[in-house]
Amino acid sequence: MYSNKELWNYAKDELVSMVTTLGFPKELGYEMAKRLGSPKAIHRMTSYLANEKPKALYRSLRKQKE
């Protein structure tokens, strides 16, 4: 069984990785994880970012690549 601290760290690291993959600074991922309040909420946000790729983010990323 994993400790609560390990669950938090794993969830936080996944979110930070996703945020940086989308082209944002890792500090944004850390702040999001801090404010979400639980590993379950962090996992949900990570899944949302991975699957939905919000349009505002998608447009800004596409402009950066051009």
PDB file of N, CA and C in Angstrom:
ATOM      1  N   MET A   1       0.838  -1.178   0.000  1.00  0.00           N
ATOM      2  CA  MET A   1       0.000   0.000   0.000  1.00  0.00           C
ATOM      3  C   MET A   1       0.885   1.243   0.000  1.00  0.00           C
ATOM      4  N   TYR A   2       0.448   2.244  -0.713  1.00  0.00           N
ATOM      5  CA  TYR A   2       1.215   3.470  -0.812  1.00  0.00           C
ATOM      6  C   TYR A   2       0.808   4.451   0.285  1.00  0.00           C
ATOM      7  N   SER A   3       1.781   5.225   0.728  1.00  0.00           N
ATOM      8  CA  SER A   3       1.464   6.243   1.720  1.00  0.00           C
ATOM      9  C   SER A   3       0.774   7.422   1.035  1.00  0.00           C
ATOM     10  N   ASN A   4       0.110   8.221   1.827  1.00  0.00           N
ATOM     11  CA  ASN A   4      -0.587   9.386   1.295  1.00  0.00           C
ATOM     12  C   ASN A   4       0.383  10.341   0.599  1.00  0.00           C
ATOM     13  N   LYS A   5       1.560  10.494   1.161  1.00  0.00           N
ATOM     14  CA  LYS A   5       2.573  11.383   0.575  1.00  0.00           C
ATOM     15  C   LYS A   5       3.004  10.881  -0.804  1.00  0.00           C
ATOM     16  N   GLU A   6       3.159   9.565  -0.937  1.00  0.00           N
ATOM     17  CA  GLU A   6       3.541   8.989  -2.227  1.00  0.00           C
ATOM     18  C   GLU A   6       2.450   9.207  -3.271  1.00  0.00           C
ATOM     19  N   LEU A   7       1.182   9.054  -2.868  1.00  0.00           N
ATOM     20  CA  LEU A   7       0.074   9.292  -3.787  1.00  0.00           C
ATOM     21  C   LEU A   7       0.044  10.738  -4.261  1.00  0.00           C
ATOM     22  N   TRP A   8       0.230  11.661  -3.326  1.00  0.00           N
ATOM     23  CA  TRP A   8       0.259  13.088  -3.676  1.00  0.00           C
ATOM     24  C   TRP A   8       1.389  13.387  -4.659  1.00  0.00           C
ATOM     25  N   ASN A   9       2.589  12.877  -4.359  1.00  0.00           N
ATOM     26  CA  ASN A   9       3.743  13.145  -5.217  1.00  0.00           C
ATOM     27  C   ASN A   9       3.559  12.565  -6.614  1.00  0.00           C
ATOM     28  N   TYR A  10       3.029  11.353  -6.689  1.00  0.00           N
ATOM     29  CA  TYR A  10       2.806  10.728  -7.990  1.00  0.00           C
ATOM     30  C   TYR A  10       1.788  11.521  -8.808  1.00  0.00           C
ATOM     31  N   ALA A  11       0.683  11.907  -8.189  1.00  0.00           N
ATOM     32  CA  ALA A  11      -0.356  12.673  -8.883  1.00  0.00           C
ATOM     33  C   ALA A  11       0.184  14.024  -9.325  1.00  0.00           C
ATOM     34  N   LYS A  12       0.923  14.683  -8.444  1.00  0.00           N
ATOM     35  CA  LYS A  12       1.501  15.992  -8.761  1.00  0.00           C
ATOM     36  C   LYS A  12       2.469  15.879  -9.937  1.00  0.00           C
ATOM     37  N   ASP A  13       3.326  14.870  -9.915  1.00  0.00           N
ATOM     38  CA  ASP A  13       4.297  14.692 -10.996  1.00  0.00           C
ATOM     39  C   ASP A  13       3.612  14.440 -12.336  1.00  0.00           C
ATOM     40  N   GLU A  14       2.525  13.666 -12.326  1.00  0.00           N
ATOM     41  CA  GLU A  14       1.773  13.420 -13.566  1.00  0.00           C
ATOM     42  C   GLU A  14       1.181  14.722 -14.115  1.00  0.00           C
ATOM     43  N   LEU A  15       0.608  15.524 -13.234  1.00  0.00           N
ATOM     44  CA  LEU A  15       0.003  16.788 -13.662  1.00  0.00           C
ATOM     45  C   LEU A  15       1.058  17.736 -14.212  1.00  0.00           C
ATOM     46  N   VAL A  16       2.174  17.855 -13.523  1.00  0.00           N
ATOM     47  CA  VAL A  16       3.250  18.742 -13.980  1.00  0.00           C
ATOM     48  C   VAL A  16       3.759  18.287 -15.340  1.00  0.00           C
ATOM     49  N   SER A  17       3.897  16.994 -15.522  1.00  0.00           N
ATOM     50  CA  SER A  17       4.334  16.456 -16.806  1.00  0.00           C
ATOM     51  C   SER A  17       3.350  16.810 -17.920  1.00  0.00           C
ATOM     52  N   MET A  18       2.056  16.675 -17.662  1.00  0.00           N
ATOM     53  CA  MET A  18       1.042  16.992 -18.660  1.00  0.00           C
ATOM     54  C   MET A  18       1.048  18.481 -18.988  1.00  0.00           C
ATOM     55  N   VAL A  19       1.153  19.310 -17.971  1.00  0.00           N
ATOM     56  CA  VAL A  19       1.156  20.764 -18.177  1.00  0.00           C
ATOM     57  C   VAL A  19       2.360  21.177 -19.026  1.00  0.00           C
ATOM     58  N   THR A  20       3.523  20.618 -18.755  1.00  0.00           N
ATOM     59  CA  THR A  20       4.703  20.967 -19.537  1.00  0.00           C
ATOM     60  C   THR A  20       4.608  20.409 -20.957  1.00  0.00           C
ATOM     61  N   THR A  21       3.970  19.249 -21.120  1.00  0.00           N
ATOM     62  CA  THR A  21       3.755  18.694 -22.458  1.00  0.00           C
ATOM     63  C   THR A  21       2.895  19.633 -23.300  1.00  0.00           C
ATOM     64  N   LEU A  22       1.947  20.297 -22.653  1.00  0.00           N
ATOM     65  CA  LEU A  22       1.080  21.245 -23.354  1.00  0.00           C
ATOM     66  C   LEU A  22       1.764  22.598 -23.597  1.00  0.00           C
ATOM     67  N   GLY A  23       2.990  22.743 -23.108  1.00  0.00           N
ATOM     68  CA  GLY A  23       3.757  23.944 -23.391  1.00  0.00           C
ATOM     69  C   GLY A  23       3.711  25.025 -22.327  1.00  0.00           C
ATOM     70  N   PHE A  24       3.262  24.678 -21.150  1.00  0.00           N
ATOM     71  CA  PHE A  24       3.185  25.658 -20.066  1.00  0.00           C
ATOM     72  C   PHE A  24       4.308  25.405 -19.069  1.00  0.00           C
ATOM     73  N   PRO A  25       4.639  26.407 -18.265  1.00  0.00           N
ATOM     74  CA  PRO A  25       5.712  26.223 -17.279  1.00  0.00           C
ATOM     75  C   PRO A  25       5.315  25.247 -16.176  1.00  0.00           C
ATOM     76  N   LYS A  26       6.310  24.541 -15.669  1.00  0.00           N
ATOM     77  CA  LYS A  26       6.037  23.547 -14.633  1.00  0.00           C
ATOM     78  C   LYS A  26       5.465  24.177 -13.367  1.00  0.00           C
ATOM     79  N   GLU A  27       5.773  25.441 -13.124  1.00  0.00           N
ATOM     80  CA  GLU A  27       5.245  26.134 -11.950  1.00  0.00           C
ATOM     81  C   GLU A  27       3.714  26.176 -11.970  1.00  0.00           C
ATOM     82  N   LEU A  28       3.122  26.260 -13.156  1.00  0.00           N
ATOM     83  CA  LEU A  28       1.669  26.231 -13.284  1.00  0.00           C
ATOM     84  C   LEU A  28       1.125  24.887 -12.796  1.00  0.00           C
ATOM     85  N   GLY A  29       1.784  23.807 -13.166  1.00  0.00           N
ATOM     86  CA  GLY A  29       1.377  22.481 -12.714  1.00  0.00           C
ATOM     87  C   GLY A  29       1.462  22.333 -11.207  1.00  0.00           C
ATOM     88  N   TYR A  30       2.532  22.860 -10.620  1.00  0.00           N
ATOM     89  CA  TYR A  30       2.675  22.791  -9.166  1.00  0.00           C
ATOM     90  C   TYR A  30       1.574  23.583  -8.474  1.00  0.00           C
ATOM     91  N   GLU A  31       1.271  24.755  -8.991  1.00  0.00           N
ATOM     92  CA  GLU A  31       0.222  25.583  -8.387  1.00  0.00           C
ATOM     93  C   GLU A  31      -1.152  24.928  -8.533  1.00  0.00           C
ATOM     94  N   MET A  32      -1.416  24.345  -9.688  1.00  0.00           N
ATOM     95  CA  MET A  32      -2.688  23.644  -9.888  1.00  0.00           C
ATOM     96  C   MET A  32      -2.825  22.495  -8.893  1.00  0.00           C
ATOM     97  N   ALA A  33      -1.769  21.710  -8.741  1.00  0.00           N
ATOM     98  CA  ALA A  33      -1.806  20.572  -7.822  1.00  0.00           C
ATOM     99  C   ALA A  33      -2.061  21.043  -6.393  1.00  0.00           C
ATOM    100  N   LYS A  34      -1.418  22.123  -6.022  1.00  0.00           N
ATOM    101  CA  LYS A  34      -1.584  22.646  -4.667  1.00  0.00           C
ATOM    102  C   LYS A  34      -3.028  23.079  -4.414  1.00  0.00           C
ATOM    103  N   ARG A  35      -3.649  23.699  -5.404  1.00  0.00           N
ATOM    104  CA  ARG A  35      -4.994  24.239  -5.228  1.00  0.00           C
ATOM    105  C   ARG A  35      -6.103  23.202  -5.427  1.00  0.00           C
ATOM    106  N   LEU A  36      -5.819  22.117  -6.121  1.00  0.00           N
ATOM    107  CA  LEU A  36      -6.863  21.115  -6.358  1.00  0.00           C
ATOM    108  C   LEU A  36      -7.249  20.366  -5.085  1.00  0.00           C
ATOM    109  N   GLY A  37      -6.309  20.137  -4.204  1.00  0.00           N
ATOM    110  CA  GLY A  37      -6.673  19.658  -2.883  1.00  0.00           C
ATOM    111  C   GLY A  37      -6.637  18.168  -2.601  1.00  0.00           C
ATOM    112  N   SER A  38      -6.579  17.311  -3.615  1.00  0.00           N
ATOM    113  CA  SER A  38      -6.496  15.869  -3.353  1.00  0.00           C
ATOM    114  C   SER A  38      -5.913  15.165  -4.574  1.00  0.00           C
ATOM    115  N   PRO A  39      -5.297  14.004  -4.355  1.00  0.00           N
ATOM    116  CA  PRO A  39      -4.770  13.246  -5.492  1.00  0.00           C
ATOM    117  C   PRO A  39      -5.857  12.891  -6.509  1.00  0.00           C
ATOM    118  N   LYS A  40      -7.071  12.599  -6.044  1.00  0.00           N
ATOM    119  CA  LYS A  40      -8.156  12.251  -6.961  1.00  0.00           C
ATOM    120  C   LYS A  40      -8.490  13.431  -7.879  1.00  0.00           C
ATOM    121  N   ALA A  41      -8.561  14.634  -7.321  1.00  0.00           N
ATOM    122  CA  ALA A  41      -8.838  15.823  -8.127  1.00  0.00           C
ATOM    123  C   ALA A  41      -7.697  16.105  -9.099  1.00  0.00           C
ATOM    124  N   ILE A  42      -6.486  15.866  -8.661  1.00  0.00           N
ATOM    125  CA  ILE A  42      -5.321  16.076  -9.531  1.00  0.00           C
ATOM    126  C   ILE A  42      -5.365  15.090 -10.701  1.00  0.00           C
ATOM    127  N   HIS A  43      -5.696  13.828 -10.428  1.00  0.00           N
ATOM    128  CA  HIS A  43      -5.815  12.830 -11.502  1.00  0.00           C
ATOM    129  C   HIS A  43      -6.920  13.214 -12.490  1.00  0.00           C
ATOM    130  N   ARG A  44      -8.019  13.716 -11.974  1.00  0.00           N
ATOM    131  CA  ARG A  44      -9.106  14.137 -12.866  1.00  0.00           C
ATOM    132  C   ARG A  44      -8.669  15.284 -13.776  1.00  0.00           C
ATOM    133  N   MET A  45      -7.964  16.245 -13.229  1.00  0.00           N
ATOM    134  CA  MET A  45      -7.479  17.365 -14.043  1.00  0.00           C
ATOM    135  C   MET A  45      -6.481  16.881 -15.084  1.00  0.00           C
ATOM    136  N   THR A  46      -5.600  15.977 -14.687  1.00  0.00           N
ATOM    137  CA  THR A  46      -4.620  15.425 -15.623  1.00  0.00           C
ATOM    138  C   THR A  46      -5.329  14.707 -16.765  1.00  0.00           C
ATOM    139  N   SER A  47      -6.334  13.917 -16.438  1.00  0.00           N
ATOM    140  CA  SER A  47      -7.096  13.204 -17.469  1.00  0.00           C
ATOM    141  C   SER A  47      -7.813  14.180 -18.388  1.00  0.00           C
ATOM    142  N   TYR A  48      -8.390  15.215 -17.815  1.00  0.00           N
ATOM    143  CA  TYR A  48      -9.074  16.233 -18.618  1.00  0.00           C
ATOM    144  C   TYR A  48      -8.100  16.870 -19.608  1.00  0.00           C
ATOM    145  N   LEU A  49      -6.947  17.273 -19.128  1.00  0.00           N
ATOM    146  CA  LEU A  49      -5.968  17.914 -20.011  1.00  0.00           C
ATOM    147  C   LEU A  49      -5.479  16.955 -21.090  1.00  0.00           C
ATOM    148  N   ALA A  50      -5.311  15.692 -20.745  1.00  0.00           N
ATOM    149  CA  ALA A  50      -4.812  14.703 -21.712  1.00  0.00           C
ATOM    150  C   ALA A  50      -5.845  14.379 -22.781  1.00  0.00           C
ATOM    151  N   ASN A  51      -7.110  14.293 -22.383  1.00  0.00           N
ATOM    152  CA  ASN A  51      -8.139  13.834 -23.314  1.00  0.00           C
ATOM    153  C   ASN A  51      -8.848  14.953 -24.056  1.00  0.00           C
ATOM    154  N   GLU A  52      -9.118  16.039 -23.396  1.00  0.00           N
ATOM    155  CA  GLU A  52      -9.921  17.099 -24.004  1.00  0.00           C
ATOM    156  C   GLU A  52      -9.086  18.153 -24.719  1.00  0.00           C
ATOM    157  N   LYS A  53      -7.894  18.393 -24.240  1.00  0.00           N
ATOM    158  CA  LYS A  53      -7.050  19.455 -24.775  1.00  0.00           C
ATOM    159  C   LYS A  53      -7.902  20.701 -25.033  1.00  0.00           C
ATOM    160  N   PRO A  54      -8.177  21.441 -23.987  1.00  0.00           N
ATOM    161  CA  PRO A  54      -9.070  22.604 -24.089  1.00  0.00           C
ATOM    162  C   PRO A  54      -8.756  23.488 -25.290  1.00  0.00           C
ATOM    163  N   LYS A  55      -9.801  23.998 -25.941  1.00  0.00           N
ATOM    164  CA  LYS A  55      -9.629  24.751 -27.186  1.00  0.00           C
ATOM    165  C   LYS A  55      -8.711  25.946 -27.030  1.00  0.00           C
ATOM    166  N   ALA A  56      -8.826  26.657 -25.940  1.00  0.00           N
ATOM    167  CA  ALA A  56      -7.959  27.820 -25.734  1.00  0.00           C
ATOM    168  C   ALA A  56      -6.501  27.389 -25.686  1.00  0.00           C
ATOM    169  N   LEU A  57      -6.225  26.276 -25.018  1.00  0.00           N
ATOM    170  CA  LEU A  57      -4.868  25.762 -24.976  1.00  0.00           C
ATOM    171  C   LEU A  57      -4.432  25.290 -26.346  1.00  0.00           C
ATOM    172  N   TYR A  58      -5.315  24.589 -27.041  1.00  0.00           N
ATOM    173  CA  TYR A  58      -4.981  24.055 -28.357  1.00  0.00           C
ATOM    174  C   TYR A  58      -4.645  25.179 -29.329  1.00  0.00           C
ATOM    175  N   ARG A  59      -5.484  26.234 -29.326  1.00  0.00           N
ATOM    176  CA  ARG A  59      -5.229  27.357 -30.229  1.00  0.00           C
ATOM    177  C   ARG A  59      -3.905  28.029 -29.919  1.00  0.00           C
ATOM    178  N   SER A  60      -3.630  28.247 -28.640  1.00  0.00           N
ATOM    179  CA  SER A  60      -2.371  28.921 -28.284  1.00  0.00           C
ATOM    180  C   SER A  60      -1.175  28.057 -28.641  1.00  0.00           C
ATOM    181  N   LEU A  61      -1.285  26.737 -28.474  1.00  0.00           N
ATOM    182  CA  LEU A  61      -0.195  25.853 -28.831  1.00  0.00           C
ATOM    183  C   LEU A  61       0.025  25.829 -30.333  1.00  0.00           C
ATOM    184  N   ARG A  62      -1.062  25.807 -31.092  1.00  0.00           N
ATOM    185  CA  ARG A  62      -0.945  25.779 -32.540  1.00  0.00           C
ATOM    186  C   ARG A  62      -0.274  27.049 -33.052  1.00  0.00           C
ATOM    187  N   LYS A  63      -0.609  28.185 -32.483  1.00  0.00           N
ATOM    188  CA  LYS A  63       0.007  29.447 -32.888  1.00  0.00           C
ATOM    189  C   LYS A  63       1.498  29.455 -32.573  1.00  0.00           C
ATOM    190  N   GLN A  64       1.887  28.875 -31.443  1.00  0.00           N
ATOM    191  CA  GLN A  64       3.290  28.829 -31.063  1.00  0.00           C
ATOM    192  C   GLN A  64       4.107  27.991 -32.033  1.00  0.00           C
ATOM    193  N   LYS A  65       3.523  26.923 -32.565  1.00  0.00           N
ATOM    194  CA  LYS A  65       4.236  26.028 -33.478  1.00  0.00           C
ATOM    195  C   LYS A  65       4.441  26.655 -34.862  1.00  0.00           C
ATOM    196  N   GLU A  66       3.539  27.578 -35.227  1.00  0.00           N
ATOM    197  CA  GLU A  66       3.617  28.183 -36.568  1.00  0.00           C
ATOM    198  C   GLU A  66       4.679  29.235 -36.658  1.00  0.00           C
TER     199      GLU A  66
END
